[in-house]
Each structure stands twice: as C-alpha cells, then as structure tokens.
Amino acid sequence: NTLLAFLLLVGLAPAVSAQSGTESY
C-alpha cells in the first residue's frame, strides 16, 4: 500500500488502482 501510494503520487502508475468491485487491475 505504501509503494502504491508513492507511485500514484509521482504519477508513474496511473492504472494500477483501477478497480471494479473488490478487484484491482
């Protein structure tokens, strides 16, 4: 979760958090 938050903050992972229901893509 910490790594994901960092990637989203710097704009390197725009699609990692795409979600549908409880799934992440």
PDB file of all heavy atoms in Angstrom:
ATOM      1  N   ASN A   1       0.822  -1.210   0.000  1.00  0.00           N
ATOM      2  CA  ASN A   1       0.000   0.000   0.000  1.00  0.00           C
ATOM      3  C   ASN A   1       0.856   1.260   0.000  1.00  0.00           C
ATOM      4  O   ASN A   1       0.537   2.251  -0.646  1.00  0.00           O
ATOM      5  CB  ASN A   1      -0.929   0.003   1.216  1.00  0.00           C
ATOM      6  CG  ASN A   1      -2.013  -1.047   1.106  1.00  0.00           C
ATOM      7  OD1 ASN A   1      -2.320  -1.493   0.001  1.00  0.00           O
ATOM      8  ND2 ASN A   1      -2.578  -1.453   2.228  1.00  0.00           N
ATOM      9  N   THR A   2       1.968   1.214   0.743  1.00  0.00           N
ATOM     10  CA  THR A   2       2.870   2.363   0.779  1.00  0.00           C
ATOM     11  C   THR A   2       3.493   2.605  -0.585  1.00  0.00           C
ATOM     12  O   THR A   2       3.584   3.748  -1.060  1.00  0.00           O
ATOM     13  CB  THR A   2       3.975   2.124   1.820  1.00  0.00           C
ATOM     14  OG1 THR A   2       3.380   1.900   3.096  1.00  0.00           O
ATOM     15  CG2 THR A   2       4.911   3.331   1.896  1.00  0.00           C
ATOM     16  N   LEU A   3       3.931   1.511  -1.241  1.00  0.00           N
ATOM     17  CA  LEU A   3       4.523   1.634  -2.574  1.00  0.00           C
ATOM     18  C   LEU A   3       3.502   2.156  -3.570  1.00  0.00           C
ATOM     19  O   LEU A   3       3.815   3.026  -4.399  1.00  0.00           O
ATOM     20  CB  LEU A   3       5.053   0.267  -3.028  1.00  0.00           C
ATOM     21  CG  LEU A   3       5.642   0.213  -4.448  1.00  0.00           C
ATOM     22  CD1 LEU A   3       6.832   1.175  -4.562  1.00  0.00           C
ATOM     23  CD2 LEU A   3       6.067  -1.208  -4.780  1.00  0.00           C
ATOM     24  N   LEU A   4       2.273   1.657  -3.521  1.00  0.00           N
ATOM     25  CA  LEU A   4       1.231   2.104  -4.433  1.00  0.00           C
ATOM     26  C   LEU A   4       0.954   3.591  -4.251  1.00  0.00           C
ATOM     27  O   LEU A   4       0.827   4.338  -5.230  1.00  0.00           O
ATOM     28  CB  LEU A   4      -0.053   1.303  -4.189  1.00  0.00           C
ATOM     29  CG  LEU A   4      -1.266   1.700  -5.030  1.00  0.00           C
ATOM     30  CD1 LEU A   4      -0.959   1.560  -6.509  1.00  0.00           C
ATOM     31  CD2 LEU A   4      -2.468   0.855  -4.649  1.00  0.00           C
ATOM     32  N   ALA A   5       0.879   4.033  -3.004  1.00  0.00           N
ATOM     33  CA  ALA A   5       0.627   5.451  -2.745  1.00  0.00           C
ATOM     34  C   ALA A   5       1.746   6.313  -3.307  1.00  0.00           C
ATOM     35  O   ALA A   5       1.502   7.385  -3.877  1.00  0.00           O
ATOM     36  CB  ALA A   5       0.481   5.684  -1.237  1.00  0.00           C
ATOM     37  N   PHE A   6       2.979   5.836  -3.177  1.00  0.00           N
ATOM     38  CA  PHE A   6       4.109   6.601  -3.722  1.00  0.00           C
ATOM     39  C   PHE A   6       4.045   6.689  -5.230  1.00  0.00           C
ATOM     40  O   PHE A   6       4.242   7.753  -5.824  1.00  0.00           O
ATOM     41  CB  PHE A   6       5.425   5.945  -3.288  1.00  0.00           C
ATOM     42  CG  PHE A   6       6.642   6.532  -3.953  1.00  0.00           C
ATOM     43  CD1 PHE A   6       7.133   7.780  -3.568  1.00  0.00           C
ATOM     44  CD2 PHE A   6       7.285   5.857  -4.983  1.00  0.00           C
ATOM     45  CE1 PHE A   6       8.242   8.329  -4.194  1.00  0.00           C
ATOM     46  CE2 PHE A   6       8.385   6.393  -5.602  1.00  0.00           C
ATOM     47  CZ  PHE A   6       8.874   7.632  -5.217  1.00  0.00           C
ATOM     48  N   LEU A   7       3.756   5.563  -5.897  1.00  0.00           N
ATOM     49  CA  LEU A   7       3.696   5.548  -7.360  1.00  0.00           C
ATOM     50  C   LEU A   7       2.597   6.459  -7.869  1.00  0.00           C
ATOM     51  O   LEU A   7       2.769   7.184  -8.859  1.00  0.00           O
ATOM     52  CB  LEU A   7       3.475   4.121  -7.871  1.00  0.00           C
ATOM     53  CG  LEU A   7       4.653   3.169  -7.678  1.00  0.00           C
ATOM     54  CD1 LEU A   7       4.252   1.756  -8.096  1.00  0.00           C
ATOM     55  CD2 LEU A   7       5.866   3.630  -8.476  1.00  0.00           C
ATOM     56  N   LEU A   8       1.446   6.440  -7.215  1.00  0.00           N
ATOM     57  CA  LEU A   8       0.360   7.314  -7.623  1.00  0.00           C
ATOM     58  C   LEU A   8       0.722   8.784  -7.415  1.00  0.00           C
ATOM     59  O   LEU A   8       0.376   9.644  -8.222  1.00  0.00           O
ATOM     60  CB  LEU A   8      -0.909   6.974  -6.835  1.00  0.00           C
ATOM     61  CG  LEU A   8      -1.568   5.635  -7.181  1.00  0.00           C
ATOM     62  CD1 LEU A   8      -2.707   5.345  -6.208  1.00  0.00           C
ATOM     63  CD2 LEU A   8      -2.084   5.646  -8.606  1.00  0.00           C
ATOM     64  N   LEU A   9       1.446   9.041  -6.342  1.00  0.00           N
ATOM     65  CA  LEU A   9       1.828  10.417  -6.051  1.00  0.00           C
ATOM     66  C   LEU A   9       2.734  10.980  -7.127  1.00  0.00           C
ATOM     67  O   LEU A   9       2.583  12.121  -7.568  1.00  0.00           O
ATOM     68  CB  LEU A   9       2.520  10.478  -4.682  1.00  0.00           C
ATOM     69  CG  LEU A   9       3.027  11.864  -4.238  1.00  0.00           C
ATOM     70  CD1 LEU A   9       1.828  12.802  -4.052  1.00  0.00           C
ATOM     71  CD2 LEU A   9       3.817  11.757  -2.937  1.00  0.00           C
ATOM     72  N   VAL A  10       3.686  10.194  -7.585  1.00  0.00           N
ATOM     73  CA  VAL A  10       4.638  10.700  -8.588  1.00  0.00           C
ATOM     74  C   VAL A  10       4.113  10.527 -10.004  1.00  0.00           C
ATOM     75  O   VAL A  10       4.777  10.916 -10.957  1.00  0.00           O
ATOM     76  CB  VAL A  10       6.011  10.015  -8.429  1.00  0.00           C
ATOM     77  CG1 VAL A  10       6.604  10.305  -7.064  1.00  0.00           C
ATOM     78  CG2 VAL A  10       5.902   8.513  -8.665  1.00  0.00           C
ATOM     79  N   GLY A  11       2.938   9.904 -10.143  1.00  0.00           N
ATOM     80  CA  GLY A  11       2.317   9.812 -11.462  1.00  0.00           C
ATOM     81  C   GLY A  11       2.885   8.739 -12.349  1.00  0.00           C
ATOM     82  O   GLY A  11       2.779   8.790 -13.564  1.00  0.00           O
ATOM     83  N   LEU A  12       3.509   7.708 -11.765  1.00  0.00           N
ATOM     84  CA  LEU A  12       4.124   6.661 -12.573  1.00  0.00           C
ATOM     85  C   LEU A  12       3.215   5.468 -12.783  1.00  0.00           C
ATOM     86  O   LEU A  12       3.516   4.605 -13.590  1.00  0.00           O
ATOM     87  CB  LEU A  12       5.424   6.175 -11.901  1.00  0.00           C
ATOM     88  CG  LEU A  12       6.542   7.206 -11.806  1.00  0.00           C
ATOM     89  CD1 LEU A  12       7.739   6.604 -11.080  1.00  0.00           C
ATOM     90  CD2 LEU A  12       6.940   7.679 -13.197  1.00  0.00           C
ATOM     91  N   ALA A  13       2.126   5.392 -12.055  1.00  0.00           N
ATOM     92  CA  ALA A  13       1.266   4.202 -12.149  1.00  0.00           C
ATOM     93  C   ALA A  13      -0.185   4.598 -12.244  1.00  0.00           C
ATOM     94  O   ALA A  13      -0.989   4.295 -11.381  1.00  0.00           O
ATOM     95  CB  ALA A  13       1.497   3.297 -10.943  1.00  0.00           C
ATOM     96  N   PRO A  14      -0.603   5.249 -13.332  1.00  0.00           N
ATOM     97  CA  PRO A  14      -1.959   5.772 -13.416  1.00  0.00           C
ATOM     98  C   PRO A  14      -3.046   4.726 -13.436  1.00  0.00           C
ATOM     99  O   PRO A  14      -4.178   5.030 -13.104  1.00  0.00           O
ATOM    100  CB  PRO A  14      -1.944   6.561 -14.728  1.00  0.00           C
ATOM    101  CG  PRO A  14      -0.825   5.986 -15.516  1.00  0.00           C
ATOM    102  CD  PRO A  14       0.199   5.579 -14.504  1.00  0.00           C
ATOM    103  N   ALA A  15      -2.750   3.472 -13.803  1.00  0.00           N
ATOM    104  CA  ALA A  15      -3.828   2.491 -13.936  1.00  0.00           C
ATOM    105  C   ALA A  15      -3.781   1.408 -12.874  1.00  0.00           C
ATOM    106  O   ALA A  15      -4.640   0.554 -12.843  1.00  0.00           O
ATOM    107  CB  ALA A  15      -3.790   1.849 -15.316  1.00  0.00           C
ATOM    108  N   VAL A  16      -2.775   1.410 -12.022  1.00  0.00           N
ATOM    109  CA  VAL A  16      -2.650   0.338 -11.054  1.00  0.00           C
ATOM    110  C   VAL A  16      -3.860   0.265 -10.133  1.00  0.00           C
ATOM    111  O   VAL A  16      -4.260  -0.800  -9.707  1.00  0.00           O
ATOM    112  CB  VAL A  16      -1.350   0.516 -10.230  1.00  0.00           C
ATOM    113  CG1 VAL A  16      -1.262  -0.525  -9.139  1.00  0.00           C
ATOM    114  CG2 VAL A  16      -0.147   0.423 -11.153  1.00  0.00           C
ATOM    115  N   SER A  17      -4.473   1.407  -9.840  1.00  0.00           N
ATOM    116  CA  SER A  17      -5.559   1.427  -8.876  1.00  0.00           C
ATOM    117  C   SER A  17      -6.938   1.298  -9.513  1.00  0.00           C
ATOM    118  O   SER A  17      -7.934   1.447  -8.837  1.00  0.00           O
ATOM    119  CB  SER A  17      -5.513   2.730  -8.067  1.00  0.00           C
ATOM    120  OG  SER A  17      -5.687   3.841  -8.920  1.00  0.00           O
ATOM    121  N   ALA A  18      -6.997   1.037 -10.842  1.00  0.00           N
ATOM    122  CA  ALA A  18      -8.299   0.866 -11.474  1.00  0.00           C
ATOM    123  C   ALA A  18      -9.038  -0.275 -10.811  1.00  0.00           C
ATOM    124  O   ALA A  18      -8.501  -1.366 -10.679  1.00  0.00           O
ATOM    125  CB  ALA A  18      -8.114   0.579 -12.966  1.00  0.00           C
ATOM    126  N   GLN A  19     -10.276  -0.047 -10.389  1.00  0.00           N
ATOM    127  CA  GLN A  19     -10.992  -1.054  -9.640  1.00  0.00           C
ATOM    128  C   GLN A  19     -12.390  -1.280 -10.187  1.00  0.00           C
ATOM    129  O   GLN A  19     -12.985  -0.413 -10.794  1.00  0.00           O
ATOM    130  CB  GLN A  19     -11.106  -0.653  -8.165  1.00  0.00           C
ATOM    131  CG  GLN A  19      -9.762  -0.636  -7.445  1.00  0.00           C
ATOM    132  CD  GLN A  19      -9.931  -0.437  -5.960  1.00  0.00           C
ATOM    133  OE1 GLN A  19     -11.023  -0.170  -5.470  1.00  0.00           O
ATOM    134  NE2 GLN A  19      -8.846  -0.584  -5.231  1.00  0.00           N
ATOM    135  N   SER A  20     -12.878  -2.489 -10.003  1.00  0.00           N
ATOM    136  CA  SER A  20     -14.254  -2.836 -10.306  1.00  0.00           C
ATOM    137  C   SER A  20     -14.717  -3.770  -9.204  1.00  0.00           C
ATOM    138  O   SER A  20     -14.222  -4.879  -9.086  1.00  0.00           O
ATOM    139  CB  SER A  20     -14.361  -3.522 -11.668  1.00  0.00           C
ATOM    140  OG  SER A  20     -15.669  -3.953 -11.917  1.00  0.00           O
ATOM    141  N   GLY A  21     -15.625  -3.305  -8.346  1.00  0.00           N
ATOM    142  CA  GLY A  21     -15.997  -4.090  -7.191  1.00  0.00           C
ATOM    143  C   GLY A  21     -14.822  -4.150  -6.230  1.00  0.00           C
ATOM    144  O   GLY A  21     -14.261  -3.140  -5.848  1.00  0.00           O
ATOM    145  N   THR A  22     -14.432  -5.376  -5.861  1.00  0.00           N
ATOM    146  CA  THR A  22     -13.313  -5.551  -4.938  1.00  0.00           C
ATOM    147  C   THR A  22     -12.026  -5.898  -5.669  1.00  0.00           C
ATOM    148  O   THR A  22     -11.005  -6.099  -5.035  1.00  0.00           O
ATOM    149  CB  THR A  22     -13.643  -6.670  -3.933  1.00  0.00           C
ATOM    150  OG1 THR A  22     -13.887  -7.893  -4.658  1.00  0.00           O
ATOM    151  CG2 THR A  22     -14.865  -6.314  -3.111  1.00  0.00           C
ATOM    152  N   GLU A  23     -12.061  -5.995  -6.993  1.00  0.00           N
ATOM    153  CA  GLU A  23     -10.880  -6.369  -7.760  1.00  0.00           C
ATOM    154  C   GLU A  23     -10.057  -5.138  -8.111  1.00  0.00           C
ATOM    155  O   GLU A  23     -10.583  -4.050  -8.298  1.00  0.00           O
ATOM    156  CB  GLU A  23     -11.280  -7.089  -9.043  1.00  0.00           C
ATOM    157  CG  GLU A  23     -12.023  -8.386  -8.829  1.00  0.00           C
ATOM    158  CD  GLU A  23     -12.393  -9.038 -10.143  1.00  0.00           C
ATOM    159  OE1 GLU A  23     -11.555  -9.759 -10.695  1.00  0.00           O
ATOM    160  OE2 GLU A  23     -13.517  -8.798 -10.608  1.00  0.00           O
ATOM    161  N   SER A  24      -8.752  -5.329  -8.217  1.00  0.00           N
ATOM    162  CA  SER A  24      -7.875  -4.274  -8.690  1.00  0.00           C
ATOM    163  C   SER A  24      -7.198  -4.760  -9.966  1.00  0.00           C
ATOM    164  O   SER A  24      -6.963  -5.957 -10.150  1.00  0.00           O
ATOM    165  CB  SER A  24      -6.837  -3.910  -7.629  1.00  0.00           C
ATOM    166  OG  SER A  24      -6.013  -5.008  -7.338  1.00  0.00           O
ATOM    167  N   TYR A  25      -6.890  -3.819 -10.854  1.00  0.00           N
ATOM    168  CA  TYR A  25      -6.353  -4.142 -12.161  1.00  0.00           C
ATOM    169  C   TYR A  25      -5.092  -3.332 -12.419  1.00  0.00           C
ATOM    170  O   TYR A  25      -4.945  -2.207 -11.939  1.00  0.00           O
ATOM    171  CB  TYR A  25      -7.380  -3.836 -13.253  1.00  0.00           C
ATOM    172  CG  TYR A  25      -8.642  -4.651 -13.145  1.00  0.00           C
ATOM    173  CD1 TYR A  25      -9.726  -4.189 -12.402  1.00  0.00           C
ATOM    174  CD2 TYR A  25      -8.747  -5.876 -13.787  1.00  0.00           C
ATOM    175  CE1 TYR A  25     -10.885  -4.942 -12.297  1.00  0.00           C
ATOM    176  CE2 TYR A  25      -9.902  -6.633 -13.685  1.00  0.00           C
ATOM    177  CZ  TYR A  25     -10.969  -6.167 -12.944  1.00  0.00           C
ATOM    178  OH  TYR A  25     -12.103  -6.906 -12.837  1.00  0.00           O
TER     179      TYR A  25
END
